[in-house]
Amino acid sequence: MSKPFFVFTAYKTSFKVLVKNLESLSVTQIQNIQEFVSTRKGLFDFNTYSFVIQKR
């Protein structure tokens, strides 16, 4: 099982996170990432394999 490889970009009020190896992750791992993003009221974009969450 692969581990997620994240690339973070920090902005003034948010973080954009690129999941470099999304295609090699298991469905369970992707669901865990989606749950985290949802909990933080973020947006997951499967077209770009990235998500955005607000800074706390």
Protein backbone atom coordinates (compact mmCIF):
# COMPACT_ATOMS: atom_id res chain seq x y z
CA MET A 1 0.00 0.00 0.00
CA SER A 2 1.35 3.41 -0.99
CA LYS A 3 1.53 6.36 1.35
CA PRO A 4 0.06 9.67 0.19
CA PHE A 5 2.62 12.17 -1.09
CA PHE A 6 1.44 15.72 -0.35
CA VAL A 7 2.85 18.97 -1.75
CA PHE A 8 1.70 21.98 0.28
CA THR A 9 1.36 25.58 -0.90
CA ALA A 10 0.58 28.13 1.78
CA TYR A 11 -1.47 31.21 1.03
CA LYS A 12 -2.51 34.04 3.35
CA THR A 13 -5.76 32.40 4.48
CA SER A 14 -5.58 28.85 3.10
CA PHE A 15 -3.47 25.87 2.09
CA LYS A 16 -3.57 24.17 -1.29
CA VAL A 17 -2.43 20.56 -1.15
CA LEU A 18 -1.55 18.51 -4.19
CA VAL A 19 -1.77 14.72 -3.79
CA LYS A 20 0.99 13.64 -6.19
CA ASN A 21 0.22 9.92 -6.15
CA LEU A 22 -3.58 9.90 -5.83
CA GLU A 23 -3.99 7.21 -8.50
CA SER A 24 -1.83 4.75 -6.57
CA LEU A 25 -3.74 5.13 -3.27
CA SER A 26 -6.40 2.72 -2.09
CA VAL A 27 -10.06 3.68 -1.99
CA THR A 28 -9.95 3.70 1.82
CA GLN A 29 -7.01 6.12 1.84
CA ILE A 30 -8.78 8.45 -0.60
CA GLN A 31 -11.94 8.32 1.53
CA ASN A 32 -9.88 9.23 4.62
CA ILE A 33 -8.43 12.24 2.79
CA GLN A 34 -11.91 13.27 1.64
CA GLU A 35 -13.23 12.97 5.19
CA PHE A 36 -10.40 15.18 6.50
CA VAL A 37 -11.06 17.80 3.80
CA SER A 38 -14.79 17.72 4.50
CA THR A 39 -14.21 18.08 8.25
CA ARG A 40 -12.08 21.18 7.59
CA LYS A 41 -14.79 22.54 5.23
CA GLY A 42 -12.43 22.32 2.28
CA LEU A 43 -12.86 21.47 -1.38
CA PHE A 44 -11.38 18.39 -3.05
CA ASP A 45 -10.78 18.64 -6.81
CA PHE A 46 -10.30 15.25 -8.47
CA ASN A 47 -9.41 16.91 -11.79
CA THR A 48 -6.24 18.42 -10.36
CA TYR A 49 -5.68 15.88 -7.53
CA SER A 50 -5.65 18.70 -5.02
CA PHE A 51 -7.65 20.18 -2.19
CA VAL A 52 -7.91 23.54 -0.48
CA ILE A 53 -8.52 24.06 3.23
CA GLN A 54 -8.74 27.27 5.22
CA LYS A 55 -6.18 28.13 7.87
CA ARG A 56 -7.54 28.01 11.39
